Amino acid sequence: MKFFILLFFAVFAFGKSGIDFYTNVAILEKSVVTKDAKAVFSVPFDIKEQDILVDSNCSITSTGFDNYKQIQSPLEAQKESLNNRLLALQDSYNIIKNSKLNQNQPREFDKISGILDKNLNEQNQISKELGTLNFVTTSPAYKKDFVVKTACKKATVGIRYSLSTTIKPLLKNTIRANLEKNSVEILQEVILSNLDEDLKNATVRFFPYATNQNQKPGNFSPIYLHKEEPKKVLDAPSTMVQTPAVVENIQPKQTPVPATNNNDQPLHNFKFWQIDRLDLKAKNDNKITINKQILDANFSSYIDGYGTSKAYIMARVLPKFDIQAANTNYYLNSRFVLNAYAAKGVKNTAVDIFFGADNLIEVRKNISDIVINDTPAIGSETAKNIWEYGVKNGSNKTENIIFVERIPISNSDEIVVKKLGDIEQNADSQGKVEYKFALEPKQEKVFKFGYTVSKPIK
């Protein structure tokens, strides 16, 4: 399998098969060399000729459908194979059982008995498999041939058409943290399912935008304004108003084509992914590796004082490629941590990845001072909130700690917020206060954090 990152738009390639995945549709591409000036493609039964884009390096003389047929599903083929094997085993068993055995040769008798036991065990196993498969219902699949005739005896013909909406790529990521090597491995995969046919030596491309075949904007139609003459009304009551000017949309005779909504949201900084030489199986889950990157990581314990007040194992990495938002499995030193949906990470931008609670870091949070002082004489109120934190390293190695708290943000000159406590770092524009320090084994650090809010009394 060969992997590329391409920075140009996909070009229709002859002599190949493949799938282009856009955000709104999947398009299948096939191409063959004609035999006796004719190319034959197997296509879905319900597809129409106007839905197929045809191209060739020779003039096309005609196109049409032929050879309507029912395709046996892989499940039905598996059932048929198991039934045939079961019948063969039953016949073999009866032949051996009914044969004349020489009772005076124990070795031969024991050998035949062992063969019969093995035969019966295999029959029992196949019967169980058939019983399971019979619970699975499958709908018959129908196909037809799309025939393209050319003016050349030997030419290359390619077709493209949209696939069923059930054929969608499923993104799946796996992130593995290695604390000993200070590294994180990020594996991005795509699972393709529900294909109607096998595709050999296929090319698969993933585009980060929507596409519409034969897309064009709606017809332009001008808007004309004219004033309608007021109607003459005799003895009109004083409450009657004059008819206002009206706005009419004068439409041309041609029926306008409505514009198509095209949501072009870029998903990453490059144009698209392309993977070549893939063998894709029909009705199977085809797992495709999109990208694998092993990154240097800075590990630390992240404490959310503003939330759960617990420590979490965090790795900060700088991705070489975008990390697509996807359902993700997380591992820490080969141990499964959890499965969760992860947000998108942008290449060359720091990304924080969490691997669950750090049980070796103990965090205590106690109320130190919470007071509300009213001063009606000057018409103001001051609220003070201070907490005492204790962070203890229970591991046998030095741990880097990132402690995060917050203070309220004032959007009024009349409301004043002041940070209190032992943390010198200032809050950012969102009120976030980040305090970094290191703890030696069994060391504990105690500090206070808080703030005051002064506001006028209404």
Protein backbone atom coordinates (compact mmCIF):
# COMPACT_ATOMS: atom_id res chain seq x y z
CA MET A 1 0.00 0.00 0.00
CA LYS A 2 1.35 3.43 -0.94
CA PHE A 3 0.36 6.61 0.86
CA PHE A 4 0.42 10.22 -0.38
CA ILE A 5 -0.59 13.69 0.70
CA LEU A 6 -1.66 15.54 -2.45
CA LEU A 7 -1.98 19.28 -2.88
CA PHE A 8 -3.80 19.33 -6.20
CA PHE A 9 -7.31 18.42 -7.30
CA ALA A 10 -8.04 14.80 -8.15
CA VAL A 11 -7.72 13.93 -11.83
CA PHE A 12 -9.77 11.18 -13.39
CA ALA A 13 -7.32 8.28 -13.82
CA PHE A 14 -7.75 5.60 -16.45
CA GLY A 15 -6.93 1.97 -15.79
CA LYS A 16 -7.90 2.19 -12.11
CA SER A 17 -10.82 1.87 -9.73
CA GLY A 18 -11.38 3.99 -6.68
CA ILE A 19 -13.70 6.03 -4.48
CA ASP A 20 -13.73 9.77 -3.86
CA PHE A 21 -15.30 10.68 -0.51
CA TYR A 22 -16.63 14.23 -0.17
CA THR A 23 -18.49 15.58 2.84
CA ASN A 24 -21.84 15.09 1.10
CA VAL A 25 -21.37 12.18 -1.31
CA ALA A 26 -19.16 9.24 -2.27
CA ILE A 27 -18.30 8.80 -5.96
CA LEU A 28 -17.09 5.49 -7.43
CA GLU A 29 -14.66 5.49 -10.34
CA LYS A 30 -13.93 2.57 -12.67
CA SER A 31 -11.96 2.30 -15.88
CA VAL A 32 -11.20 -0.57 -18.24
CA VAL A 33 -9.64 -1.19 -21.63
CA THR A 34 -12.20 -2.07 -24.31
CA LYS A 35 -12.37 -5.48 -25.91
CA ASP A 36 -13.55 -5.42 -29.52
CA ALA A 37 -14.52 -1.75 -29.11
CA LYS A 38 -16.74 -2.49 -26.11
CA ALA A 39 -16.38 -1.83 -22.36
CA VAL A 40 -18.68 -3.49 -19.82
CA PHE A 41 -19.18 -2.22 -16.25
CA SER A 42 -21.28 -3.84 -13.54
CA VAL A 43 -23.39 -1.11 -11.90
CA PRO A 44 -26.23 -0.93 -9.33
CA PHE A 45 -29.64 -1.98 -10.57
CA ASP A 46 -31.39 1.32 -9.74
CA ILE A 47 -28.86 3.68 -11.33
CA LYS A 48 -29.93 5.76 -14.33
CA GLU A 49 -27.85 6.49 -17.39
CA GLN A 50 -27.91 10.24 -16.77
CA ASP A 51 -26.30 9.62 -13.36
CA ILE A 52 -23.19 8.08 -14.95
CA LEU A 53 -20.30 10.25 -16.15
CA VAL A 54 -18.48 8.57 -19.06
CA ASP A 55 -15.07 9.49 -20.43
CA SER A 56 -12.76 7.88 -22.96
CA ASN A 57 -9.67 8.52 -25.03
CA CYS A 58 -11.69 7.50 -28.10
CA SER A 59 -15.05 8.57 -29.52
CA ILE A 60 -18.04 6.91 -27.85
CA THR A 61 -20.60 5.52 -30.29
CA SER A 62 -23.26 4.26 -27.87
CA THR A 63 -24.09 3.50 -24.24
CA GLY A 64 -26.80 1.39 -22.63
CA PHE A 65 -27.77 -1.24 -20.07
CA ASP A 66 -27.76 -5.01 -20.49
CA ASN A 67 -27.66 -8.32 -18.56
CA TYR A 68 -29.88 -7.62 -15.55
CA LYS A 69 -28.92 -10.09 -12.82
CA GLN A 70 -29.22 -10.96 -9.14
CA ILE A 71 -25.98 -10.99 -7.15
CA GLN A 72 -25.51 -13.55 -4.42
CA SER A 73 -24.53 -11.90 -1.16
CA PRO A 74 -21.36 -13.08 0.63
CA LEU A 75 -23.59 -14.30 3.48
CA GLU A 76 -25.65 -16.48 1.16
CA ALA A 77 -22.47 -17.77 -0.47
CA GLN A 78 -21.16 -18.68 2.99
CA LYS A 79 -24.39 -20.52 3.82
CA GLU A 80 -24.22 -22.43 0.55
CA SER A 81 -20.61 -23.42 1.16
CA LEU A 82 -21.39 -24.62 4.69
CA ASN A 83 -24.41 -26.63 3.50
CA ASN A 84 -22.31 -28.30 0.80
CA ARG A 85 -19.63 -29.17 3.34
CA LEU A 86 -22.25 -30.55 5.74
CA LEU A 87 -23.74 -32.81 3.03
CA ALA A 88 -20.27 -34.07 2.11
CA LEU A 89 -19.50 -34.90 5.74
CA GLN A 90 -22.82 -36.73 6.15
CA ASP A 91 -22.17 -38.81 3.02
CA SER A 92 -18.64 -39.63 4.19
CA TYR A 93 -19.92 -40.62 7.61
CA ASN A 94 -22.54 -42.98 6.17
CA ILE A 95 -20.06 -44.59 3.76
CA ILE A 96 -17.48 -45.24 6.48
CA LYS A 97 -20.09 -46.37 9.00
CA ASN A 98 -21.69 -48.85 6.58
CA SER A 99 -18.36 -50.27 5.40
CA LYS A 100 -17.30 -53.72 6.66
CA LEU A 101 -14.69 -53.31 9.37
CA ASN A 102 -12.36 -56.06 10.42
CA GLN A 103 -13.07 -56.56 14.12
CA ASN A 104 -9.88 -58.58 14.48
CA GLN A 105 -7.71 -55.52 13.75
CA PRO A 106 -8.21 -53.16 16.73
CA ARG A 107 -5.83 -50.54 15.40
CA GLU A 108 -7.83 -50.15 12.19
CA PHE A 109 -11.10 -50.10 14.15
CA ASP A 110 -9.81 -47.38 16.51
CA LYS A 111 -8.57 -45.34 13.57
CA ILE A 112 -11.94 -45.46 11.83
CA SER A 113 -13.74 -44.61 15.08
CA GLY A 114 -11.55 -41.55 15.48
CA ILE A 115 -12.34 -40.45 11.92
CA LEU A 116 -16.07 -40.80 12.59
CA ASP A 117 -15.85 -38.82 15.84
CA LYS A 118 -13.97 -36.03 14.07
CA ASN A 119 -16.57 -36.08 11.29
CA LEU A 120 -19.45 -35.75 13.77
CA ASN A 121 -17.72 -32.90 15.64
CA GLU A 122 -17.28 -30.95 12.42
CA GLN A 123 -20.92 -31.59 11.45
CA ASN A 124 -22.01 -30.25 14.83
CA GLN A 125 -19.85 -27.13 14.46
CA ILE A 126 -21.20 -26.39 10.96
CA SER A 127 -24.79 -26.85 12.16
CA LYS A 128 -24.17 -24.26 14.88
CA GLU A 129 -22.71 -21.79 12.35
CA LEU A 130 -25.68 -22.28 10.02
CA GLY A 131 -28.07 -21.76 12.92
CA THR A 132 -26.42 -18.43 13.69
CA LEU A 133 -26.36 -17.31 10.05
CA ASN A 134 -30.04 -18.13 9.60
CA PHE A 135 -30.91 -15.43 12.12
CA VAL A 136 -29.28 -12.83 9.84
CA THR A 137 -31.56 -11.65 7.05
CA THR A 138 -30.16 -10.28 3.83
CA SER A 139 -31.91 -8.54 0.97
CA PRO A 140 -31.12 -9.76 -2.55
CA ALA A 141 -28.80 -7.47 -4.50
CA TYR A 142 -29.42 -6.77 -8.16
CA LYS A 143 -26.95 -5.56 -10.76
CA LYS A 144 -26.87 -4.73 -14.43
CA ASP A 145 -24.19 -4.12 -17.02
CA PHE A 146 -23.47 -0.67 -18.40
CA VAL A 147 -22.11 -1.15 -21.92
CA VAL A 148 -20.02 1.51 -23.65
CA LYS A 149 -19.09 1.12 -27.31
CA THR A 150 -16.27 3.12 -28.87
CA ALA A 151 -15.03 3.86 -32.36
CA CYS A 152 -11.67 2.25 -31.52
CA LYS A 153 -11.17 -1.47 -31.05
CA LYS A 154 -8.84 -0.79 -28.16
CA ALA A 155 -9.57 2.23 -25.99
CA THR A 156 -9.67 3.18 -22.32
CA VAL A 157 -13.12 3.98 -20.92
CA GLY A 158 -13.89 5.30 -17.45
CA ILE A 159 -17.13 5.94 -15.59
CA ARG A 160 -18.03 7.77 -12.37
CA TYR A 161 -21.26 7.66 -10.39
CA SER A 162 -22.52 8.39 -6.87
CA LEU A 163 -22.71 5.56 -4.38
CA SER A 164 -25.45 4.78 -1.89
CA THR A 165 -25.70 7.11 1.09
CA THR A 166 -25.10 4.09 3.36
CA ILE A 167 -21.49 3.95 2.18
CA LYS A 168 -19.74 6.43 4.43
CA PRO A 169 -16.25 6.43 5.90
CA LEU A 170 -16.10 5.93 9.67
CA LEU A 171 -13.13 7.69 11.26
CA LYS A 172 -11.40 5.80 14.07
CA ASN A 173 -8.35 7.01 16.02
CA THR A 174 -6.07 5.21 18.45
CA ILE A 175 -3.79 7.22 20.77
CA ARG A 176 -1.12 5.43 22.81
CA ALA A 177 0.98 7.17 25.46
CA ASN A 178 4.40 5.81 26.45
CA LEU A 179 5.51 7.39 29.72
CA GLU A 180 8.95 5.76 29.65
CA LYS A 181 9.82 7.08 26.19
CA ASN A 182 7.97 10.40 26.64
CA SER A 183 6.12 9.82 23.38
CA VAL A 184 2.60 9.55 22.00
CA GLU A 185 1.60 7.45 19.00
CA ILE A 186 -1.45 8.62 17.06
CA LEU A 187 -2.98 6.20 14.54
CA GLN A 188 -5.77 7.49 12.29
CA GLU A 189 -7.89 4.94 10.45
CA VAL A 190 -10.99 4.87 8.28
CA ILE A 191 -13.44 1.97 8.12
CA LEU A 192 -15.33 1.53 4.83
CA SER A 193 -18.41 -0.69 4.92
CA ASN A 194 -21.41 -1.66 2.79
CA LEU A 195 -19.59 -1.81 -0.56
CA ASP A 196 -21.59 -3.71 -3.18
CA GLU A 197 -18.57 -5.15 -4.97
CA ASP A 198 -14.90 -5.95 -4.50
CA LEU A 199 -12.44 -3.29 -5.67
CA LYS A 200 -8.90 -4.40 -6.45
CA ASN A 201 -5.90 -2.09 -6.62
CA ALA A 202 -8.21 0.80 -5.77
CA THR A 203 -7.40 4.42 -4.98
CA VAL A 204 -9.33 6.09 -2.16
CA ARG A 205 -9.40 9.87 -1.69
CA PHE A 206 -10.90 11.93 1.13
CA PHE A 207 -11.85 15.53 0.31
CA PRO A 208 -12.64 18.09 3.04
CA TYR A 209 -15.49 19.80 1.18
CA ALA A 210 -18.83 19.12 -0.51
CA THR A 211 -19.33 18.61 -4.21
CA ASN A 212 -22.31 18.50 -6.54
CA GLN A 213 -22.24 17.13 -10.05
CA ASN A 214 -23.62 19.47 -12.73
CA GLN A 215 -23.95 22.22 -10.12
CA LYS A 216 -24.76 25.74 -11.29
CA PRO A 217 -26.32 28.80 -9.66
CA GLY A 218 -29.96 29.75 -10.06
CA ASN A 219 -31.01 31.77 -13.09
CA PHE A 220 -30.75 35.52 -12.58
CA SER A 221 -34.07 37.35 -12.72
CA PRO A 222 -34.39 41.13 -12.27
CA ILE A 223 -36.83 42.74 -9.85
CA TYR A 224 -38.92 45.63 -11.25
CA LEU A 225 -40.66 48.29 -9.18
CA HIS A 226 -43.65 50.26 -10.44
CA LYS A 227 -46.27 52.42 -8.85
CA GLU A 228 -49.88 51.43 -9.14
CA GLU A 229 -52.36 54.25 -9.73
CA PRO A 230 -54.61 54.86 -6.69
CA LYS A 231 -58.20 53.79 -7.03
CA LYS A 232 -60.87 56.50 -7.03
CA VAL A 233 -63.22 55.98 -4.10
CA LEU A 234 -66.32 58.17 -3.63
CA ASP A 235 -67.24 59.18 -0.08
CA ALA A 236 -64.37 57.18 1.33
CA PRO A 237 -64.33 57.06 5.13
CA SER A 238 -61.45 58.74 6.92
CA THR A 239 -60.05 55.39 8.05
CA MET A 240 -59.47 54.16 4.50
CA VAL A 241 -55.84 54.31 3.34
CA GLN A 242 -54.53 54.64 -0.16
CA THR A 243 -53.21 51.47 -1.80
CA PRO A 244 -49.41 51.49 -1.47
CA ALA A 245 -46.89 50.92 -4.18
CA VAL A 246 -46.38 47.21 -4.83
CA VAL A 247 -43.24 45.26 -5.63
CA GLU A 248 -43.56 42.59 -8.27
CA ASN A 249 -41.01 39.97 -9.18
CA ILE A 250 -41.29 39.70 -12.98
CA GLN A 251 -40.17 36.18 -13.81
CA PRO A 252 -38.89 35.20 -17.24
CA LYS A 253 -40.57 32.41 -19.15
CA GLN A 254 -37.71 30.04 -18.35
CA THR A 255 -38.16 28.15 -15.07
CA PRO A 256 -35.38 29.16 -12.66
CA VAL A 257 -33.08 26.50 -11.22
CA PRO A 258 -32.76 26.89 -7.43
CA ALA A 259 -29.25 27.33 -6.10
CA THR A 260 -27.83 24.35 -4.27
CA ASN A 261 -26.69 24.76 -0.68
CA ASN A 262 -22.99 24.03 -0.68
CA ASN A 263 -21.43 24.04 2.76
CA ASP A 264 -17.73 24.30 2.03
CA GLN A 265 -16.11 23.91 5.44
CA PRO A 266 -12.39 23.11 5.24
CA LEU A 267 -11.44 20.28 7.59
CA HIS A 268 -7.67 20.57 7.36
CA ASN A 269 -4.94 22.70 5.87
CA PHE A 270 -4.16 20.42 2.96
CA LYS A 271 -6.52 19.55 0.12
CA PHE A 272 -7.14 15.83 0.53
CA TRP A 273 -5.74 12.43 1.47
CA GLN A 274 -5.04 9.77 -1.15
CA ILE A 275 -4.21 6.10 -0.54
CA ASP A 276 -3.29 3.85 -3.46
CA ARG A 277 -3.28 0.11 -4.15
CA LEU A 278 -6.06 -0.96 -1.80
CA ASP A 279 -8.02 -4.21 -2.09
CA LEU A 280 -11.52 -3.49 -0.77
CA LYS A 281 -14.00 -6.28 -0.03
CA ALA A 282 -17.75 -6.08 -0.52
CA LYS A 283 -20.01 -6.33 2.55
CA ASN A 284 -16.94 -6.22 4.83
CA ASP A 285 -15.45 -3.64 7.15
CA ASN A 286 -12.38 -2.43 5.28
CA LYS A 287 -9.90 -0.80 7.66
CA ILE A 288 -7.59 1.74 6.03
CA THR A 289 -4.66 3.40 7.79
CA ILE A 290 -4.68 7.10 6.97
CA ASN A 291 -1.81 8.31 9.08
CA LYS A 292 0.49 7.18 11.87
CA GLN A 293 2.69 9.63 13.75
CA ILE A 294 4.92 9.15 16.78
CA LEU A 295 5.41 12.44 18.60
CA ASP A 296 7.57 13.70 21.45
CA ALA A 297 5.36 14.47 24.43
CA ASN A 298 5.62 16.56 27.58
CA PHE A 299 3.75 14.71 30.33
CA SER A 300 2.35 16.47 33.38
CA SER A 301 -0.44 16.23 35.92
CA TYR A 302 -3.24 18.69 35.14
CA ILE A 303 -5.33 19.82 38.12
CA ASP A 304 -8.66 21.54 37.44
CA GLY A 305 -9.17 23.53 40.62
CA TYR A 306 -12.18 25.17 39.02
CA GLY A 307 -13.94 21.82 38.44
CA THR A 308 -13.36 18.37 39.93
CA SER A 309 -10.17 19.43 41.76
CA LYS A 310 -8.47 16.19 40.73
CA ALA A 311 -5.25 15.44 38.86
CA TYR A 312 -5.30 14.06 35.30
CA ILE A 313 -2.45 12.67 33.18
CA MET A 314 -1.87 15.06 30.30
CA ALA A 315 0.43 14.89 27.28
CA ARG A 316 1.18 18.03 25.28
CA VAL A 317 2.23 17.25 21.69
CA LEU A 318 2.87 19.10 18.44
CA PRO A 319 1.21 17.07 15.62
CA LYS A 320 2.95 16.76 12.27
CA PHE A 321 -0.42 16.17 10.60
CA ASP A 322 -3.97 17.16 11.46
CA ILE A 323 -5.77 14.91 13.92
CA GLN A 324 -9.31 14.50 12.64
CA ALA A 325 -12.21 14.60 15.10
CA ALA A 326 -13.23 10.99 15.60
CA ASN A 327 -14.17 8.27 18.05
CA THR A 328 -10.87 7.49 19.81
CA ASN A 329 -9.40 4.68 21.91
CA TYR A 330 -6.87 5.86 24.51
CA TYR A 331 -4.06 3.68 25.89
CA LEU A 332 -1.54 4.44 28.64
CA ASN A 333 1.56 2.20 28.64
CA SER A 334 -0.39 -0.45 26.63
CA ARG A 335 -3.28 -0.32 29.13
CA PHE A 336 -6.69 0.64 27.74
CA VAL A 337 -7.99 3.79 29.42
CA LEU A 338 -11.26 4.75 27.72
CA ASN A 339 -13.10 5.30 24.46
CA ALA A 340 -14.32 8.84 23.77
CA TYR A 341 -14.99 11.27 20.94
CA ALA A 342 -11.98 13.55 20.46
CA ALA A 343 -12.02 17.03 18.96
CA LYS A 344 -9.92 18.04 15.99
CA GLY A 345 -6.23 18.83 16.44
CA VAL A 346 -4.39 21.09 14.01
CA LYS A 347 -0.89 20.28 12.80
CA ASN A 348 2.00 22.40 14.11
CA THR A 349 -0.26 23.58 16.96
CA ALA A 350 0.09 22.33 20.55
CA VAL A 351 -2.56 19.76 21.47
CA ASP A 352 -3.31 18.57 25.01
CA ILE A 353 -4.34 14.92 25.31
CA PHE A 354 -5.70 13.45 28.55
CA PHE A 355 -5.37 9.82 29.68
CA GLY A 356 -7.58 9.67 32.75
CA ALA A 357 -7.10 10.43 36.44
CA ASP A 358 -3.61 10.50 37.98
CA ASN A 359 -4.24 8.58 41.20
CA LEU A 360 -0.69 9.19 42.47
CA ILE A 361 -1.33 12.92 42.84
CA GLU A 362 -3.50 13.78 45.86
CA VAL A 363 -5.43 17.08 45.76
CA ARG A 364 -7.15 18.70 48.76
CA LYS A 365 -9.40 21.75 48.49
CA ASN A 366 -10.79 23.51 51.58
CA ILE A 367 -12.64 26.78 52.09
CA SER A 368 -10.33 29.30 53.69
CA ASP A 369 -12.29 32.53 53.73
CA ILE A 370 -15.65 33.41 52.14
CA VAL A 371 -17.11 36.74 53.28
CA ILE A 372 -19.61 39.25 51.86
CA ASN A 373 -19.26 42.83 53.17
CA ASP A 374 -22.02 45.36 52.57
CA THR A 375 -21.29 49.09 52.90
CA PRO A 376 -24.63 50.83 52.27
CA ALA A 377 -23.11 54.18 53.16
CA ILE A 378 -21.01 54.18 50.01
CA GLY A 379 -23.44 51.96 48.09
CA SER A 380 -21.11 48.98 47.38
CA GLU A 381 -20.73 45.30 48.19
CA THR A 382 -17.53 43.24 48.32
CA ALA A 383 -17.46 39.44 48.22
CA LYS A 384 -14.26 37.57 49.10
CA ASN A 385 -13.65 33.90 48.18
CA ILE A 386 -10.41 32.12 49.18
CA TRP A 387 -9.61 28.39 49.07
CA GLU A 388 -6.64 26.46 50.39
CA TYR A 389 -5.17 23.77 48.15
CA GLY A 390 -2.83 20.94 49.08
CA VAL A 391 -1.13 18.94 46.29
CA LYS A 392 0.92 15.87 47.28
CA ASN A 393 3.07 13.69 45.02
CA GLY A 394 2.51 10.05 45.98
CA SER A 395 4.75 8.62 43.23
CA ASN A 396 8.44 7.70 43.45
CA LYS A 397 9.54 10.23 40.82
CA THR A 398 9.39 13.97 40.27
CA GLU A 399 6.07 15.11 38.79
CA ASN A 400 5.34 18.27 36.79
CA ILE A 401 2.10 19.90 37.90
CA ILE A 402 -0.13 22.28 35.97
CA PHE A 403 -2.67 23.80 38.35
CA VAL A 404 -5.52 25.72 36.70
CA GLU A 405 -8.06 27.98 38.44
CA ARG A 406 -10.20 30.90 37.33
CA ILE A 407 -11.52 34.27 38.44
CA PRO A 408 -14.70 36.01 37.21
CA ILE A 409 -14.43 38.37 34.25
CA SER A 410 -15.85 41.87 34.64
CA ASN A 411 -17.58 43.45 31.68
CA SER A 412 -18.40 46.63 33.58
CA ASP A 413 -16.28 49.42 35.02
CA GLU A 414 -18.50 49.32 38.11
CA ILE A 415 -17.55 45.71 38.90
CA VAL A 416 -13.97 45.21 40.06
CA VAL A 417 -12.34 41.77 40.39
CA LYS A 418 -9.03 41.28 42.23
CA LYS A 419 -7.04 38.04 42.44
CA LEU A 420 -5.91 36.96 45.92
CA GLY A 421 -3.66 34.25 47.32
CA ASP A 422 -0.17 32.86 46.76
CA ILE A 423 -0.25 32.46 42.96
CA GLU A 424 1.60 35.30 41.24
CA GLN A 425 0.54 34.47 37.68
CA ASN A 426 -2.06 36.84 36.25
CA ALA A 427 -5.32 35.71 34.71
CA ASP A 428 -5.71 35.71 30.92
CA SER A 429 -8.57 37.32 29.00
CA GLN A 430 -10.85 34.41 29.91
CA GLY A 431 -10.08 34.56 33.62
CA LYS A 432 -7.85 31.47 33.46
CA VAL A 433 -4.95 31.30 35.94
CA GLU A 434 -2.28 28.66 35.25
CA TYR A 435 0.30 27.76 37.92
CA LYS A 436 3.17 25.39 37.05
CA PHE A 437 5.46 23.73 39.57
CA ALA A 438 7.30 20.45 40.20
CA LEU A 439 6.93 18.09 43.16
CA GLU A 440 9.60 15.71 44.38
CA PRO A 441 8.53 12.21 45.50
CA LYS A 442 6.27 12.38 48.60
CA GLN A 443 6.48 16.20 48.59
CA GLU A 444 3.38 18.30 49.30
CA LYS A 445 2.71 21.91 48.32
CA VAL A 446 0.10 24.03 50.11
CA PHE A 447 -1.11 27.37 48.74
CA LYS A 448 -4.12 29.65 48.71
CA PHE A 449 -6.10 31.03 45.79
CA GLY A 450 -9.06 33.38 45.67
CA TYR A 451 -10.50 36.69 44.56
CA THR A 452 -12.69 39.60 45.58
CA VAL A 453 -15.62 41.04 43.62
CA SER A 454 -16.68 44.62 44.39
CA LYS A 455 -19.89 45.95 42.83
CA PRO A 456 -22.42 48.70 43.54
CA ILE A 457 -25.61 47.96 45.47
CA LYS A 458 -28.69 48.70 43.43
